[in-house]
Amino acid sequence: MLGENMYPLVEQLEPNTAAKVMGKLLEMDQTRVLHLLESTDALKAKVAEAMEVLRNVYQQQASNPTEQLADLALN
């Protein structure tokens, strides 16, 4: 239910990575997720934070192809 309400908002901010960002946001405590639905500024800040984490992960994987292959094997 929360995800259904939040996804369109996140998709407006980050259309290409909305699903990945949503996965991270929904791992948070339900009370914090509700706050994000109520506060556009808080949602924007949390989405920006999630995007920074995703960028860091992608950069680390690009610099270490062996680790990237290991991640694929685990999935």
PDB file of N, CA and C in Angstrom:
ATOM      1  N   MET A   1       0.812  -1.192   0.000  1.00  0.00           N
ATOM      2  CA  MET A   1       0.000   0.000   0.000  1.00  0.00           C
ATOM      3  C   MET A   1       0.863   1.266   0.000  1.00  0.00           C
ATOM      4  N   LEU A   2       1.847   1.331   0.901  1.00  0.00           N
ATOM      5  CA  LEU A   2       2.724   2.499   0.931  1.00  0.00           C
ATOM      6  C   LEU A   2       3.493   2.637  -0.376  1.00  0.00           C
ATOM      7  N   GLY A   3       3.988   1.514  -0.848  1.00  0.00           N
ATOM      8  CA  GLY A   3       4.751   1.529  -2.091  1.00  0.00           C
ATOM      9  C   GLY A   3       3.925   2.005  -3.267  1.00  0.00           C
ATOM     10  N   GLU A   4       2.669   1.587  -3.317  1.00  0.00           N
ATOM     11  CA  GLU A   4       1.793   2.009  -4.408  1.00  0.00           C
ATOM     12  C   GLU A   4       1.564   3.514  -4.399  1.00  0.00           C
ATOM     13  N   ASN A   5       1.486   4.090  -3.211  1.00  0.00           N
ATOM     14  CA  ASN A   5       1.288   5.533  -3.096  1.00  0.00           C
ATOM     15  C   ASN A   5       2.574   6.315  -3.369  1.00  0.00           C
ATOM     16  N   MET A   6       3.706   5.744  -2.968  1.00  0.00           N
ATOM     17  CA  MET A   6       4.969   6.461  -3.087  1.00  0.00           C
ATOM     18  C   MET A   6       5.621   6.322  -4.459  1.00  0.00           C
ATOM     19  N   TYR A   7       5.417   5.203  -5.122  1.00  0.00           N
ATOM     20  CA  TYR A   7       6.124   4.948  -6.383  1.00  0.00           C
ATOM     21  C   TYR A   7       5.954   6.079  -7.405  1.00  0.00           C
ATOM     22  N   PRO A   8       4.735   6.570  -7.654  1.00  0.00           N
ATOM     23  CA  PRO A   8       4.606   7.649  -8.641  1.00  0.00           C
ATOM     24  C   PRO A   8       5.394   8.902  -8.269  1.00  0.00           C
ATOM     25  N   LEU A   9       5.504   9.175  -6.977  1.00  0.00           N
ATOM     26  CA  LEU A   9       6.269  10.341  -6.524  1.00  0.00           C
ATOM     27  C   LEU A   9       7.762  10.150  -6.791  1.00  0.00           C
ATOM     28  N   VAL A  10       8.247   8.957  -6.480  1.00  0.00           N
ATOM     29  CA  VAL A  10       9.665   8.654  -6.709  1.00  0.00           C
ATOM     30  C   VAL A  10       9.950   8.614  -8.209  1.00  0.00           C
ATOM     31  N   GLU A  11       9.027   8.082  -8.965  1.00  0.00           N
ATOM     32  CA  GLU A  11       9.209   7.991 -10.415  1.00  0.00           C
ATOM     33  C   GLU A  11       9.313   9.378 -11.054  1.00  0.00           C
ATOM     34  N   GLN A  12       8.620  10.350 -10.505  1.00  0.00           N
ATOM     35  CA  GLN A  12       8.743  11.722 -11.012  1.00  0.00           C
ATOM     36  C   GLN A  12      10.141  12.281 -10.772  1.00  0.00           C
ATOM     37  N   LEU A  13      10.729  11.903  -9.635  1.00  0.00           N
ATOM     38  CA  LEU A  13      12.056  12.407  -9.278  1.00  0.00           C
ATOM     39  C   LEU A  13      13.169  11.655  -9.999  1.00  0.00           C
ATOM     40  N   GLU A  14      13.047  10.343 -10.099  1.00  0.00           N
ATOM     41  CA  GLU A  14      14.072   9.489 -10.704  1.00  0.00           C
ATOM     42  C   GLU A  14      13.412   8.420 -11.576  1.00  0.00           C
ATOM     43  N   PRO A  15      12.978   8.787 -12.771  1.00  0.00           N
ATOM     44  CA  PRO A  15      12.229   7.836 -13.599  1.00  0.00           C
ATOM     45  C   PRO A  15      13.009   6.580 -13.994  1.00  0.00           C
ATOM     46  N   ASN A  16      14.310   6.683 -14.159  1.00  0.00           N
ATOM     47  CA  ASN A  16      15.103   5.537 -14.618  1.00  0.00           C
ATOM     48  C   ASN A  16      15.454   4.546 -13.516  1.00  0.00           C
ATOM     49  N   THR A  17      15.439   4.992 -12.290  1.00  0.00           N
ATOM     50  CA  THR A  17      15.855   4.125 -11.182  1.00  0.00           C
ATOM     51  C   THR A  17      14.807   4.039 -10.071  1.00  0.00           C
ATOM     52  N   ALA A  18      13.581   4.375 -10.385  1.00  0.00           N
ATOM     53  CA  ALA A  18      12.526   4.421  -9.363  1.00  0.00           C
ATOM     54  C   ALA A  18      12.375   3.091  -8.634  1.00  0.00           C
ATOM     55  N   ALA A  19      12.440   1.988  -9.343  1.00  0.00           N
ATOM     56  CA  ALA A  19      12.248   0.685  -8.704  1.00  0.00           C
ATOM     57  C   ALA A  19      13.350   0.398  -7.686  1.00  0.00           C
ATOM     58  N   LYS A  20      14.599   0.685  -8.044  1.00  0.00           N
ATOM     59  CA  LYS A  20      15.706   0.444  -7.116  1.00  0.00           C
ATOM     60  C   LYS A  20      15.603   1.353  -5.898  1.00  0.00           C
ATOM     61  N   VAL A  21      15.268   2.621  -6.135  1.00  0.00           N
ATOM     62  CA  VAL A  21      15.124   3.568  -5.032  1.00  0.00           C
ATOM     63  C   VAL A  21      13.978   3.136  -4.116  1.00  0.00           C
ATOM     64  N   MET A  22      12.878   2.726  -4.697  1.00  0.00           N
ATOM     65  CA  MET A  22      11.735   2.280  -3.899  1.00  0.00           C
ATOM     66  C   MET A  22      12.101   1.084  -3.022  1.00  0.00           C
ATOM     67  N   GLY A  23      12.872   0.167  -3.568  1.00  0.00           N
ATOM     68  CA  GLY A  23      13.304  -0.987  -2.787  1.00  0.00           C
ATOM     69  C   GLY A  23      14.039  -0.566  -1.532  1.00  0.00           C
ATOM     70  N   LYS A  24      14.897   0.425  -1.670  1.00  0.00           N
ATOM     71  CA  LYS A  24      15.646   0.920  -0.509  1.00  0.00           C
ATOM     72  C   LYS A  24      14.739   1.672   0.459  1.00  0.00           C
ATOM     73  N   LEU A  25      13.845   2.485  -0.067  1.00  0.00           N
ATOM     74  CA  LEU A  25      12.974   3.269   0.801  1.00  0.00           C
ATOM     75  C   LEU A  25      12.035   2.372   1.612  1.00  0.00           C
ATOM     76  N   LEU A  26      11.560   1.315   0.988  1.00  0.00           N
ATOM     77  CA  LEU A  26      10.616   0.441   1.681  1.00  0.00           C
ATOM     78  C   LEU A  26      11.285  -0.435   2.737  1.00  0.00           C
ATOM     79  N   GLU A  27      12.617  -0.443   2.776  1.00  0.00           N
ATOM     80  CA  GLU A  27      13.338  -1.143   3.834  1.00  0.00           C
ATOM     81  C   GLU A  27      13.321  -0.348   5.139  1.00  0.00           C
ATOM     82  N   MET A  28      12.965   0.928   5.033  1.00  0.00           N
ATOM     83  CA  MET A  28      12.940   1.795   6.209  1.00  0.00           C
ATOM     84  C   MET A  28      11.741   1.470   7.094  1.00  0.00           C
ATOM     85  N   ASP A  29      11.785   1.978   8.301  1.00  0.00           N
ATOM     86  CA  ASP A  29      10.675   1.845   9.235  1.00  0.00           C
ATOM     87  C   ASP A  29       9.419   2.483   8.629  1.00  0.00           C
ATOM     88  N   GLN A  30       8.278   1.865   8.849  1.00  0.00           N
ATOM     89  CA  GLN A  30       7.022   2.308   8.253  1.00  0.00           C
ATOM     90  C   GLN A  30       6.676   3.759   8.629  1.00  0.00           C
ATOM     91  N   THR A  31       6.996   4.148   9.834  1.00  0.00           N
ATOM     92  CA  THR A  31       6.724   5.519  10.279  1.00  0.00           C
ATOM     93  C   THR A  31       7.514   6.522   9.450  1.00  0.00           C
ATOM     94  N   ARG A  32       8.766   6.194   9.161  1.00  0.00           N
ATOM     95  CA  ARG A  32       9.604   7.084   8.344  1.00  0.00           C
ATOM     96  C   ARG A  32       9.099   7.138   6.908  1.00  0.00           C
ATOM     97  N   VAL A  33       8.619   6.017   6.396  1.00  0.00           N
ATOM     98  CA  VAL A  33       8.071   5.989   5.038  1.00  0.00           C
ATOM     99  C   VAL A  33       6.818   6.867   4.978  1.00  0.00           C
ATOM    100  N   LEU A  34       5.973   6.784   5.978  1.00  0.00           N
ATOM    101  CA  LEU A  34       4.780   7.630   6.030  1.00  0.00           C
ATOM    102  C   LEU A  34       5.161   9.109   6.032  1.00  0.00           C
ATOM    103  N   HIS A  35       6.213   9.440   6.765  1.00  0.00           N
ATOM    104  CA  HIS A  35       6.691  10.827   6.794  1.00  0.00           C
ATOM    105  C   HIS A  35       7.109  11.286   5.400  1.00  0.00           C
ATOM    106  N   LEU A  36       7.751  10.405   4.644  1.00  0.00           N
ATOM    107  CA  LEU A  36       8.169  10.757   3.289  1.00  0.00           C
ATOM    108  C   LEU A  36       6.972  11.037   2.389  1.00  0.00           C
ATOM    109  N   LEU A  37       5.884  10.320   2.612  1.00  0.00           N
ATOM    110  CA  LEU A  37       4.665  10.566   1.840  1.00  0.00           C
ATOM    111  C   LEU A  37       4.041  11.922   2.184  1.00  0.00           C
ATOM    112  N   GLU A  38       4.235  12.347   3.402  1.00  0.00           N
ATOM    113  CA  GLU A  38       3.641  13.602   3.859  1.00  0.00           C
ATOM    114  C   GLU A  38       4.503  14.817   3.546  1.00  0.00           C
ATOM    115  N   SER A  39       5.795  14.618   3.362  1.00  0.00           N
ATOM    116  CA  SER A  39       6.718  15.735   3.169  1.00  0.00           C
ATOM    117  C   SER A  39       7.495  15.581   1.861  1.00  0.00           C
ATOM    118  N   THR A  40       7.172  16.427   0.907  1.00  0.00           N
ATOM    119  CA  THR A  40       7.861  16.388  -0.384  1.00  0.00           C
ATOM    120  C   THR A  40       9.350  16.655  -0.217  1.00  0.00           C
ATOM    121  N   ASP A  41       9.696  17.600   0.655  1.00  0.00           N
ATOM    122  CA  ASP A  41      11.108  17.921   0.867  1.00  0.00           C
ATOM    123  C   ASP A  41      11.869  16.738   1.456  1.00  0.00           C
ATOM    124  N   ALA A  42      11.262  16.059   2.417  1.00  0.00           N
ATOM    125  CA  ALA A  42      11.905  14.890   3.014  1.00  0.00           C
ATOM    126  C   ALA A  42      12.059  13.776   1.985  1.00  0.00           C
ATOM    127  N   LEU A  43      11.045  13.594   1.147  1.00  0.00           N
ATOM    128  CA  LEU A  43      11.125  12.569   0.101  1.00  0.00           C
ATOM    129  C   LEU A  43      12.243  12.885  -0.881  1.00  0.00           C
ATOM    130  N   LYS A  44      12.325  14.135  -1.319  1.00  0.00           N
ATOM    131  CA  LYS A  44      13.387  14.535  -2.251  1.00  0.00           C
ATOM    132  C   LYS A  44      14.771  14.293  -1.653  1.00  0.00           C
ATOM    133  N   ALA A  45      14.920  14.636  -0.385  1.00  0.00           N
ATOM    134  CA  ALA A  45      16.218  14.447   0.278  1.00  0.00           C
ATOM    135  C   ALA A  45      16.562  12.968   0.379  1.00  0.00           C
ATOM    136  N   LYS A  46      15.588  12.135   0.718  1.00  0.00           N
ATOM    137  CA  LYS A  46      15.855  10.698   0.872  1.00  0.00           C
ATOM    138  C   LYS A  46      16.128  10.056  -0.474  1.00  0.00           C
ATOM    139  N   VAL A  47      15.433  10.490  -1.517  1.00  0.00           N
ATOM    140  CA  VAL A  47      15.687   9.959  -2.863  1.00  0.00           C
ATOM    141  C   VAL A  47      17.094  10.365  -3.314  1.00  0.00           C
ATOM    142  N   ALA A  48      17.480  11.593  -3.049  1.00  0.00           N
ATOM    143  CA  ALA A  48      18.838  12.041  -3.394  1.00  0.00           C
ATOM    144  C   ALA A  48      19.882  11.210  -2.654  1.00  0.00           C
ATOM    145  N   GLU A  49      19.623  10.919  -1.389  1.00  0.00           N
ATOM    146  CA  GLU A  49      20.528  10.084  -0.596  1.00  0.00           C
ATOM    147  C   GLU A  49      20.624   8.673  -1.189  1.00  0.00           C
ATOM    148  N   ALA A  50      19.495   8.107  -1.554  1.00  0.00           N
ATOM    149  CA  ALA A  50      19.490   6.768  -2.157  1.00  0.00           C
ATOM    150  C   ALA A  50      20.233   6.767  -3.487  1.00  0.00           C
ATOM    151  N   MET A  51      20.078   7.819  -4.267  1.00  0.00           N
ATOM    152  CA  MET A  51      20.781   7.897  -5.547  1.00  0.00           C
ATOM    153  C   MET A  51      22.291   7.981  -5.343  1.00  0.00           C
ATOM    154  N   GLU A  52      22.712   8.692  -4.335  1.00  0.00           N
ATOM    155  CA  GLU A  52      24.144   8.782  -4.037  1.00  0.00           C
ATOM    156  C   GLU A  52      24.702   7.409  -3.670  1.00  0.00           C
ATOM    157  N   VAL A  53      23.967   6.661  -2.875  1.00  0.00           N
ATOM    158  CA  VAL A  53      24.388   5.305  -2.504  1.00  0.00           C
ATOM    159  C   VAL A  53      24.469   4.427  -3.756  1.00  0.00           C
ATOM    160  N   LEU A  54      23.471   4.508  -4.618  1.00  0.00           N
ATOM    161  CA  LEU A  54      23.489   3.712  -5.851  1.00  0.00           C
ATOM    162  C   LEU A  54      24.670   4.091  -6.741  1.00  0.00           C
ATOM    163  N   ARG A  55      24.958   5.381  -6.851  1.00  0.00           N
ATOM    164  CA  ARG A  55      26.108   5.817  -7.666  1.00  0.00           C
ATOM    165  C   ARG A  55      27.408   5.247  -7.106  1.00  0.00           C
ATOM    166  N   ASN A  56      27.550   5.280  -5.785  1.00  0.00           N
ATOM    167  CA  ASN A  56      28.761   4.747  -5.160  1.00  0.00           C
ATOM    168  C   ASN A  56      28.903   3.252  -5.420  1.00  0.00           C
ATOM    169  N   VAL A  57      27.803   2.521  -5.339  1.00  0.00           N
ATOM    170  CA  VAL A  57      27.838   1.080  -5.596  1.00  0.00           C
ATOM    171  C   VAL A  57      28.243   0.816  -7.040  1.00  0.00           C
ATOM    172  N   TYR A  58      27.643   1.558  -7.976  1.00  0.00           N
ATOM    173  CA  TYR A  58      27.970   1.364  -9.392  1.00  0.00           C
ATOM    174  C   TYR A  58      29.429   1.692  -9.676  1.00  0.00           C
ATOM    175  N   GLN A  59      29.950   2.748  -9.033  1.00  0.00           N
ATOM    176  CA  GLN A  59      31.350   3.113  -9.240  1.00  0.00           C
ATOM    177  C   GLN A  59      32.285   2.036  -8.695  1.00  0.00           C
ATOM    178  N   GLN A  60      31.951   1.482  -7.538  1.00  0.00           N
ATOM    179  CA  GLN A  60      32.777   0.425  -6.966  1.00  0.00           C
ATOM    180  C   GLN A  60      32.761  -0.813  -7.848  1.00  0.00           C
ATOM    181  N   GLN A  61      31.614  -1.156  -8.375  1.00  0.00           N
ATOM    182  CA  GLN A  61      31.513  -2.331  -9.233  1.00  0.00           C
ATOM    183  C   GLN A  61      32.269  -2.116 -10.534  1.00  0.00           C
ATOM    184  N   ALA A  62      32.219  -0.912 -11.067  1.00  0.00           N
ATOM    185  CA  ALA A  62      32.918  -0.630 -12.312  1.00  0.00           C
ATOM    186  C   ALA A  62      34.433  -0.693 -12.121  1.00  0.00           C
ATOM    187  N   SER A  63      34.891  -0.336 -10.925  1.00  0.00           N
ATOM    188  CA  SER A  63      36.326  -0.359 -10.681  1.00  0.00           C
ATOM    189  C   SER A  63      36.830  -1.738 -10.267  1.00  0.00           C
ATOM    190  N   ASN A  64      35.910  -2.651  -9.964  1.00  0.00           N
ATOM    191  CA  ASN A  64      36.302  -3.987  -9.535  1.00  0.00           C
ATOM    192  C   ASN A  64      35.420  -5.027 -10.233  1.00  0.00           C
ATOM    193  N   PRO A  65      35.748  -5.386 -11.495  1.00  0.00           N
ATOM    194  CA  PRO A  65      34.907  -6.320 -12.237  1.00  0.00           C
ATOM    195  C   PRO A  65      34.790  -7.694 -11.587  1.00  0.00           C
ATOM    196  N   THR A  66      35.799  -8.126 -10.836  1.00  0.00           N
ATOM    197  CA  THR A  66      35.730  -9.420 -10.154  1.00  0.00           C
ATOM    198  C   THR A  66      34.614  -9.407  -9.121  1.00  0.00           C
ATOM    199  N   GLU A  67      34.505  -8.311  -8.381  1.00  0.00           N
ATOM    200  CA  GLU A  67      33.437  -8.182  -7.389  1.00  0.00           C
ATOM    201  C   GLU A  67      32.074  -8.171  -8.067  1.00  0.00           C
ATOM    202  N   GLN A  68      31.993  -7.522  -9.218  1.00  0.00           N
ATOM    203  CA  GLN A  68      30.735  -7.472  -9.964  1.00  0.00           C
ATOM    204  C   GLN A  68      30.318  -8.884 -10.382  1.00  0.00           C
ATOM    205  N   LEU A  69      31.267  -9.690 -10.834  1.00  0.00           N
ATOM    206  CA  LEU A  69      30.964 -11.062 -11.216  1.00  0.00           C
ATOM    207  C   LEU A  69      30.524 -11.871 -10.003  1.00  0.00           C
ATOM    208  N   ALA A  70      31.142 -11.632  -8.859  1.00  0.00           N
ATOM    209  CA  ALA A  70      30.764 -12.340  -7.641  1.00  0.00           C
ATOM    210  C   ALA A  70      29.341 -11.973  -7.237  1.00  0.00           C
ATOM    211  N   ASP A  71      28.978 -10.702  -7.383  1.00  0.00           N
ATOM    212  CA  ASP A  71      27.615 -10.267  -7.077  1.00  0.00           C
ATOM    213  C   ASP A  71      26.611 -10.949  -7.979  1.00  0.00           C
ATOM    214  N   LEU A  72      26.946 -11.116  -9.233  1.00  0.00           N
ATOM    215  CA  LEU A  72      26.045 -11.788 -10.169  1.00  0.00           C
ATOM    216  C   LEU A  72      25.831 -13.234  -9.769  1.00  0.00           C
ATOM    217  N   ALA A  73      26.882 -13.858  -9.284  1.00  0.00           N
ATOM    218  CA  ALA A  73      26.775 -15.254  -8.892  1.00  0.00           C
ATOM    219  C   ALA A  73      25.870 -15.420  -7.679  1.00  0.00           C
ATOM    220  N   LEU A  74      25.859 -14.428  -6.786  1.00  0.00           N
ATOM    221  CA  LEU A  74      25.030 -14.525  -5.600  1.00  0.00           C
ATOM    222  C   LEU A  74      23.565 -14.323  -5.924  1.00  0.00           C
ATOM    223  N   ASN A  75      23.285 -13.573  -6.958  1.00  0.00           N
ATOM    224  CA  ASN A  75      21.893 -13.312  -7.314  1.00  0.00           C
ATOM    225  C   ASN A  75      21.387 -14.465  -8.108  1.00  0.00           C
TER     226      ASN A  75
END
